[in-house]
Amino acid sequence: MNEVKQATIYVGLNDSETKEQKYDLKRYVDVLKDVCKAYNTAFSLYLANGGYFHDDGTYVDENTLVVMLLGTAEETVNEIARDLCVFFNQESVMVTYDTAEVHFVRESID
């Protein structure tokens, strides 16, 4: 097994100005895929639903794209996060780091 750094980027889909999701999910996913492809970075993606509080105390439900990157340089992770923040018109996106043990299982039917 190899130990690698895992970065996870959480990108909310509510627009920072309107506080609502402006586009359908497919459009956001397509942009995210294009960004990761431009950085030549493999990724896994899933949709989450969560909530948060604005500074004024207002609670908001929001769809969130969660992007997992394994073994990607921290500088590249931050560049991807900045791009997604701008493209999705977010106040910020959250990045977390963890360590993962990775191995690949291979099998074939002959």
Protein backbone atom coordinates (compact mmCIF):
# COMPACT_ATOMS: atom_id res chain seq x y z
CA MET A 1 0.00 0.00 0.00
CA ASN A 2 1.03 3.52 -0.74
CA GLU A 3 0.27 6.41 1.56
CA VAL A 4 -0.81 9.54 -0.32
CA LYS A 5 -2.18 12.95 0.56
CA GLN A 6 -5.90 13.28 -0.17
CA ALA A 7 -7.34 16.74 -0.78
CA THR A 8 -11.08 17.30 -0.75
CA ILE A 9 -12.62 20.47 -2.16
CA TYR A 10 -16.18 21.39 -1.17
CA VAL A 11 -17.83 23.75 -3.66
CA GLY A 12 -21.27 25.11 -2.86
CA LEU A 13 -23.57 25.74 -5.78
CA ASN A 14 -25.54 28.70 -4.42
CA ASP A 15 -24.44 31.94 -6.04
CA SER A 16 -22.77 34.29 -3.55
CA GLU A 17 -24.97 37.21 -4.61
CA THR A 18 -28.40 35.64 -5.19
CA LYS A 19 -27.93 32.92 -2.53
CA GLU A 20 -29.61 30.47 -4.92
CA GLN A 21 -28.35 27.85 -7.38
CA LYS A 22 -28.42 29.53 -10.81
CA TYR A 23 -27.80 26.57 -13.12
CA ASP A 24 -28.66 22.90 -13.35
CA LEU A 25 -26.29 20.38 -11.80
CA LYS A 26 -24.94 19.13 -15.15
CA ARG A 27 -23.55 22.58 -15.99
CA TYR A 28 -21.59 22.75 -12.73
CA VAL A 29 -20.30 19.19 -13.13
CA ASP A 30 -19.16 19.93 -16.70
CA VAL A 31 -17.23 23.02 -15.53
CA LEU A 32 -15.63 21.08 -12.69
CA LYS A 33 -14.56 18.29 -15.05
CA ASP A 34 -13.07 20.85 -17.45
CA VAL A 35 -11.11 22.50 -14.63
CA CYS A 36 -9.63 19.21 -13.39
CA LYS A 37 -8.84 18.16 -16.96
CA ALA A 38 -7.07 21.49 -17.59
CA TYR A 39 -4.84 20.79 -14.56
CA ASN A 40 -4.26 17.20 -15.75
CA THR A 41 -5.63 15.98 -12.42
CA ALA A 42 -7.57 12.79 -11.77
CA PHE A 43 -10.54 13.23 -9.44
CA SER A 44 -13.60 11.68 -7.90
CA LEU A 45 -16.75 13.71 -7.55
CA TYR A 46 -19.99 13.38 -5.68
CA LEU A 47 -22.95 15.57 -4.80
CA ALA A 48 -23.75 16.38 -1.19
CA ASN A 49 -26.46 18.46 0.37
CA GLY A 50 -25.74 20.58 3.38
CA GLY A 51 -26.48 23.80 5.11
CA TYR A 52 -24.65 26.75 6.54
CA PHE A 53 -25.23 30.07 8.27
CA HIS A 54 -24.41 33.44 6.74
CA ASP A 55 -22.71 36.02 8.91
CA ASP A 56 -26.12 37.62 9.52
CA GLY A 57 -27.43 34.32 10.96
CA THR A 58 -29.54 33.34 7.95
CA TYR A 59 -29.60 29.57 7.39
CA VAL A 60 -29.28 28.27 3.82
CA ASP A 61 -29.64 24.78 2.31
CA GLU A 62 -27.23 24.15 -0.52
CA ASN A 63 -26.12 21.52 -2.99
CA THR A 64 -22.37 21.00 -2.79
CA LEU A 65 -19.96 19.32 -5.18
CA VAL A 66 -17.30 17.36 -3.31
CA VAL A 67 -14.10 16.78 -5.29
CA MET A 68 -11.49 14.31 -4.05
CA LEU A 69 -7.94 14.51 -5.38
CA LEU A 70 -5.28 11.94 -4.48
CA GLY A 71 -1.59 12.78 -4.64
CA THR A 72 -2.16 16.22 -6.17
CA ALA A 73 0.35 18.92 -5.23
CA GLU A 74 -1.03 21.42 -2.71
CA GLU A 75 -0.32 24.32 -5.08
CA THR A 76 -2.41 22.64 -7.80
CA VAL A 77 -5.22 21.89 -5.33
CA ASN A 78 -5.31 25.57 -4.35
CA GLU A 79 -5.30 26.68 -7.99
CA ILE A 80 -8.24 24.36 -8.74
CA ALA A 81 -10.07 25.62 -5.63
CA ARG A 82 -9.52 29.26 -6.65
CA ASP A 83 -10.77 28.58 -10.19
CA LEU A 84 -13.91 26.84 -8.91
CA CYS A 85 -14.52 29.65 -6.44
CA VAL A 86 -14.46 32.19 -9.27
CA PHE A 87 -16.33 30.11 -11.87
CA PHE A 88 -19.13 29.24 -9.41
CA ASN A 89 -19.23 32.79 -7.93
CA GLN A 90 -18.59 31.64 -4.36
CA GLU A 91 -17.47 33.65 -1.34
CA SER A 92 -15.09 30.76 -0.62
CA VAL A 93 -14.65 27.03 -1.09
CA MET A 94 -13.41 24.67 1.60
CA VAL A 95 -10.36 22.44 1.20
CA THR A 96 -9.49 19.65 3.62
CA TYR A 97 -6.50 17.31 3.68
CA ASP A 98 -6.11 13.79 4.93
CA THR A 99 -3.80 10.84 4.40
CA ALA A 100 -5.07 7.80 2.51
CA GLU A 101 -3.62 4.36 2.07
CA VAL A 102 -4.08 3.40 -1.56
CA HIS A 103 -3.72 0.14 -3.41
CA PHE A 104 -5.19 -1.14 -6.63
CA VAL A 105 -6.88 -4.51 -6.95
CA ARG A 106 -6.61 -6.15 -10.35
CA GLU A 107 -8.30 -9.25 -11.52
CA SER A 108 -9.42 -10.56 -14.87
CA ILE A 109 -11.61 -13.36 -16.10
CA ASP A 110 -9.71 -15.56 -18.51
